[in-house]
Amino acid sequence: MTFIAQTNAQYSKFITMCTVTFLPLNNTDFILTSNRDEQRNRETLPPAEYVEDGVKMMFPKDKIAGGTWIGASSKNRLVCVLNGAYKKHEKKNNYRKSRGVIAKEILKSTQVTDCVKDLNLNQVEPFTMVIVDWNEKLQLYELIWDEVKKSFKTLKNEPKIWSSSTLYSDNSKRLRKSWFQEWVHSNDFNVKNILQFHHSEIGAKEQAVLMKRSYVETVSITSVKKEENSITMLYEDVIHSKKKEVQF
């Protein structure tokens, strides 16, 4: 079909993902929520438990690359991937490794800082990764790769929003940040309330949190809540109006 051919061409130029929010609940618990902005016909498997190299993990799976954009593991860690680094980049025809596969490597690692230090990111597409680790204490990290330099830093455990640089300009990021800050000051931190924010259609459809454009739109929303010793992942397939909840 002509429409699919056009969107595939656009997809190669405007590869996607996503909007992410982090909410600390206390010194040990949190909620992280991710809107995945994708082509609506890109096939995805809902969250399930997997065991790789002896490590139990839970994540939705991208059928094309076999990786994930958001997952948690028995290593007391969560990883969420956004496409792009600081600014929009030109996509190459081929890359050595999927960012979703790198996310699983971090989920499986014993020590997150050592793993990130040793990562070989040559010929990997630019990305931003939000990493939450709760081994010694609740710790929020941000890993950015811009095809030249790897930046890894510790962030404060405070409410935060990220928007993918491949889809949102600096002005759009600032606008969405203002929406989030207003939400933070007006709402209790719980899954129900943050999901309402991630379903928000305020502003133009192209820049809304629940985004829709001609070639890409929000196809799923995943919210992960860590509370004491349990992890709950709530996954909503927006396109097909299906939901799945997984715990471990």
Protein backbone atom coordinates (compact mmCIF):
# COMPACT_ATOMS: atom_id res chain seq x y z
CA MET A 1 0.00 0.00 0.00
CA THR A 2 1.21 3.51 -0.75
CA PHE A 3 0.60 4.70 2.81
CA ILE A 4 2.84 2.00 4.30
CA ALA A 5 5.59 2.68 1.79
CA GLN A 6 5.52 6.36 2.68
CA THR A 7 5.61 5.78 6.41
CA ASN A 8 8.46 3.29 6.09
CA ALA A 9 10.47 5.91 4.24
CA GLN A 10 9.67 8.44 6.93
CA TYR A 11 10.45 5.93 9.66
CA SER A 12 14.02 5.51 8.41
CA LYS A 13 14.42 9.25 8.82
CA PHE A 14 12.39 9.85 11.97
CA ILE A 15 13.00 6.75 14.09
CA THR A 16 11.19 7.12 17.36
CA MET A 17 10.76 6.70 21.16
CA CYS A 18 9.46 8.36 23.49
CA THR A 19 8.30 10.22 26.62
CA VAL A 20 9.46 9.06 30.06
CA THR A 21 8.64 10.28 33.57
CA PHE A 22 10.19 9.34 36.91
CA LEU A 23 8.45 9.79 40.25
CA PRO A 24 10.21 8.96 43.52
CA LEU A 25 7.73 7.68 46.11
CA ASN A 26 10.17 7.65 49.05
CA ASN A 27 13.82 6.76 49.61
CA THR A 28 13.38 3.25 48.18
CA ASP A 29 10.38 3.19 45.83
CA PHE A 30 9.39 4.85 42.55
CA ILE A 31 7.16 4.89 39.48
CA LEU A 32 8.65 5.14 35.98
CA THR A 33 6.32 5.50 33.00
CA SER A 34 7.11 5.43 29.29
CA ASN A 35 5.11 6.34 26.19
CA ARG A 36 6.42 4.50 23.16
CA ASP A 37 6.00 6.58 20.00
CA GLU A 38 6.29 4.31 16.99
CA GLN A 39 4.81 3.25 13.69
CA ARG A 40 1.50 1.64 14.59
CA ASN A 41 2.29 -1.46 12.52
CA ARG A 42 5.62 -2.27 14.23
CA GLU A 43 4.98 -5.55 16.00
CA THR A 44 5.58 -5.81 19.74
CA LEU A 45 5.10 -8.59 22.26
CA PRO A 46 3.50 -7.60 25.61
CA PRO A 47 5.54 -7.89 28.83
CA ALA A 48 6.61 -11.35 29.94
CA GLU A 49 9.22 -12.90 32.17
CA TYR A 50 12.45 -14.12 30.57
CA VAL A 51 15.56 -15.73 31.97
CA GLU A 52 18.82 -14.87 30.21
CA ASP A 53 22.24 -15.88 31.53
CA GLY A 54 20.56 -16.89 34.77
CA VAL A 55 19.00 -13.46 35.33
CA LYS A 56 15.23 -13.08 35.55
CA MET A 57 13.92 -10.14 33.56
CA MET A 58 10.54 -8.68 32.70
CA PHE A 59 9.95 -6.59 29.59
CA PRO A 60 7.86 -6.03 26.45
CA LYS A 61 9.79 -7.20 23.39
CA ASP A 62 10.32 -5.60 20.00
CA LYS A 63 9.86 -8.45 17.50
CA ILE A 64 12.09 -6.87 14.87
CA ALA A 65 15.23 -6.37 16.97
CA GLY A 66 14.52 -8.75 19.87
CA GLY A 67 15.37 -6.15 22.48
CA THR A 68 13.27 -3.86 24.64
CA TRP A 69 12.81 -0.18 25.39
CA ILE A 70 11.84 -0.77 29.03
CA GLY A 71 12.55 -3.62 31.42
CA ALA A 72 13.31 -4.64 34.99
CA SER A 73 15.47 -7.45 36.32
CA SER A 74 16.27 -9.50 39.40
CA LYS A 75 19.49 -7.49 39.60
CA ASN A 76 17.38 -4.76 41.25
CA ARG A 77 17.48 -2.58 38.18
CA LEU A 78 15.26 -0.92 35.60
CA VAL A 79 16.34 0.41 32.21
CA CYS A 80 14.33 2.62 29.84
CA VAL A 81 15.55 3.70 26.39
CA LEU A 82 14.85 6.87 24.44
CA ASN A 83 16.00 7.34 20.88
CA GLY A 84 18.55 10.07 20.29
CA ALA A 85 21.02 11.99 22.42
CA TYR A 86 21.07 15.78 22.68
CA LYS A 87 19.70 16.61 19.25
CA LYS A 88 18.11 14.98 16.23
CA HIS A 89 20.52 12.79 14.26
CA GLU A 90 20.68 11.32 10.77
CA LYS A 91 19.89 7.62 10.88
CA LYS A 92 22.36 5.30 9.14
CA ASN A 93 21.34 2.25 7.15
CA ASN A 94 23.06 -0.20 9.48
CA TYR A 95 24.20 -0.34 13.08
CA ARG A 96 26.30 -2.95 14.86
CA LYS A 97 23.91 -3.55 17.74
CA SER A 98 20.38 -2.61 18.77
CA ARG A 99 20.00 -0.24 21.70
CA GLY A 100 17.32 -2.58 23.04
CA VAL A 101 19.88 -5.36 23.25
CA ILE A 102 22.24 -3.04 25.13
CA ALA A 103 19.41 -2.35 27.57
CA LYS A 104 19.21 -6.07 28.32
CA GLU A 105 22.98 -6.22 28.86
CA ILE A 106 22.68 -3.51 31.52
CA LEU A 107 19.73 -5.29 33.11
CA LYS A 108 21.81 -8.48 33.41
CA SER A 109 24.97 -6.88 34.75
CA THR A 110 26.09 -7.30 38.34
CA GLN A 111 27.38 -3.77 38.83
CA VAL A 112 25.80 -1.02 36.75
CA THR A 113 28.64 1.52 36.79
CA ASP A 114 31.23 -1.09 35.74
CA CYS A 115 28.93 -2.31 32.97
CA VAL A 116 28.41 1.18 31.57
CA LYS A 117 32.15 1.92 31.75
CA ASP A 118 32.95 -1.20 29.71
CA LEU A 119 30.20 -0.76 27.09
CA ASN A 120 31.46 -0.65 23.52
CA LEU A 121 29.07 1.71 21.76
CA ASN A 122 30.91 2.09 18.47
CA GLN A 123 28.47 1.88 15.54
CA VAL A 124 25.47 2.10 17.88
CA GLU A 125 22.71 4.60 17.15
CA PRO A 126 22.52 7.59 19.53
CA PHE A 127 20.35 7.05 22.58
CA THR A 128 19.45 8.19 26.06
CA MET A 129 18.98 5.57 28.78
CA VAL A 130 17.30 6.12 32.11
CA ILE A 131 18.61 3.60 34.64
CA VAL A 132 17.19 3.05 38.12
CA ASP A 133 19.17 0.86 40.50
CA TRP A 134 18.14 -0.09 44.04
CA ASN A 135 20.90 -2.36 45.29
CA GLU A 136 22.56 -0.25 47.98
CA LYS A 137 20.03 2.59 47.75
CA LEU A 138 17.62 4.03 45.21
CA GLN A 139 19.79 5.58 42.51
CA LEU A 140 18.78 7.30 39.28
CA TYR A 141 21.26 7.43 36.38
CA GLU A 142 21.27 8.87 32.87
CA LEU A 143 23.42 7.39 30.09
CA ILE A 144 23.71 9.34 26.82
CA TRP A 145 25.55 8.22 23.69
CA ASP A 146 25.83 10.71 20.80
CA GLU A 147 27.98 8.53 18.45
CA VAL A 148 31.13 10.25 19.70
CA LYS A 149 31.04 10.46 23.46
CA LYS A 150 29.47 8.43 26.27
CA SER A 151 28.06 10.52 29.13
CA PHE A 152 26.99 8.83 32.35
CA LYS A 153 25.80 10.75 35.38
CA THR A 154 23.91 10.37 38.63
CA LEU A 155 20.68 12.33 38.91
CA LYS A 156 18.79 13.52 41.97
CA ASN A 157 15.88 11.35 43.05
CA GLU A 158 13.29 13.93 42.08
CA PRO A 159 10.43 14.11 39.54
CA LYS A 160 11.79 14.27 36.01
CA ILE A 161 10.58 14.06 32.40
CA TRP A 162 12.49 13.11 29.25
CA SER A 163 11.37 13.60 25.63
CA SER A 164 13.12 11.99 22.68
CA SER A 165 15.35 14.36 20.71
CA THR A 166 14.38 12.71 17.43
CA LEU A 167 10.76 13.78 17.80
CA TYR A 168 10.77 16.88 19.98
CA SER A 169 12.61 20.17 19.55
CA ASP A 170 14.11 22.03 22.49
CA ASN A 171 11.03 24.29 22.54
CA SER A 172 8.73 21.27 22.61
CA LYS A 173 10.78 19.72 25.42
CA ARG A 174 10.47 22.91 27.47
CA LEU A 175 6.71 23.02 26.89
CA ARG A 176 6.26 19.40 27.92
CA LYS A 177 8.44 19.98 30.97
CA SER A 178 6.15 22.83 32.01
CA TRP A 179 3.12 20.52 31.66
CA PHE A 180 4.84 17.95 33.84
CA GLN A 181 5.87 20.47 36.49
CA GLU A 182 2.29 21.69 36.69
CA TRP A 183 1.11 18.09 37.06
CA VAL A 184 3.69 17.43 39.82
CA HIS A 185 2.45 20.39 41.85
CA SER A 186 -1.21 19.37 41.48
CA ASN A 187 -1.27 15.59 41.89
CA ASP A 188 -0.52 12.79 44.31
CA PHE A 189 2.15 10.42 43.03
CA ASN A 190 0.42 7.17 42.09
CA VAL A 191 0.06 5.02 38.98
CA LYS A 192 -3.49 6.14 38.20
CA ASN A 193 -2.59 9.81 38.22
CA ILE A 194 0.63 9.54 36.20
CA LEU A 195 -1.15 7.41 33.60
CA GLN A 196 -3.65 10.24 33.20
CA PHE A 197 -0.72 12.54 32.46
CA HIS A 198 0.68 10.09 29.91
CA HIS A 199 -2.74 10.00 28.21
CA SER A 200 -2.83 13.79 28.06
CA GLU A 201 -3.67 15.35 24.68
CA ILE A 202 -3.11 18.95 25.72
CA GLY A 203 -1.71 21.19 22.98
CA ALA A 204 -1.17 20.24 19.36
CA LYS A 205 -1.49 16.50 18.63
CA GLU A 206 2.04 16.46 17.23
CA GLN A 207 3.52 17.60 20.56
CA ALA A 208 1.02 16.13 23.04
CA VAL A 209 2.16 13.53 25.57
CA LEU A 210 -0.24 11.09 23.89
CA MET A 211 1.18 12.03 20.53
CA LYS A 212 -0.17 11.41 17.01
CA ARG A 213 1.44 12.34 13.70
CA SER A 214 0.94 11.06 10.16
CA TYR A 215 3.82 8.60 10.35
CA VAL A 216 4.16 7.89 14.08
CA GLU A 217 2.06 7.95 17.23
CA THR A 218 1.96 6.74 20.83
CA VAL A 219 1.42 3.00 20.43
CA SER A 220 1.85 1.86 24.03
CA ILE A 221 2.26 3.10 27.59
CA THR A 222 4.23 1.14 30.19
CA SER A 223 4.26 2.06 33.86
CA VAL A 224 6.59 0.32 36.33
CA LYS A 225 6.07 0.67 40.07
CA LYS A 226 8.67 -0.52 42.54
CA GLU A 227 7.20 -0.88 46.02
CA GLU A 228 9.22 -2.56 48.77
CA ASN A 229 10.27 -5.95 47.33
CA SER A 230 7.86 -6.11 44.40
CA ILE A 231 7.81 -4.78 40.86
CA THR A 232 4.55 -4.27 38.96
CA MET A 233 4.59 -3.52 35.23
CA LEU A 234 1.35 -2.26 33.70
CA TYR A 235 1.38 -2.30 29.90
CA GLU A 236 -1.26 -0.70 27.69
CA ASP A 237 -1.42 -1.39 23.97
CA VAL A 238 -2.99 1.92 22.94
CA ILE A 239 -3.63 0.89 19.34
CA HIS A 240 -5.59 -2.26 20.19
CA SER A 241 -6.97 -1.11 23.56
CA LYS A 242 -5.42 -4.03 25.44
CA LYS A 243 -3.81 -4.06 28.89
CA LYS A 244 -1.54 -6.51 30.70
CA GLU A 245 -0.13 -6.45 34.22
CA VAL A 246 2.93 -8.49 35.22
CA GLN A 247 4.53 -8.77 38.65
CA PHE A 248 7.71 -10.21 40.10
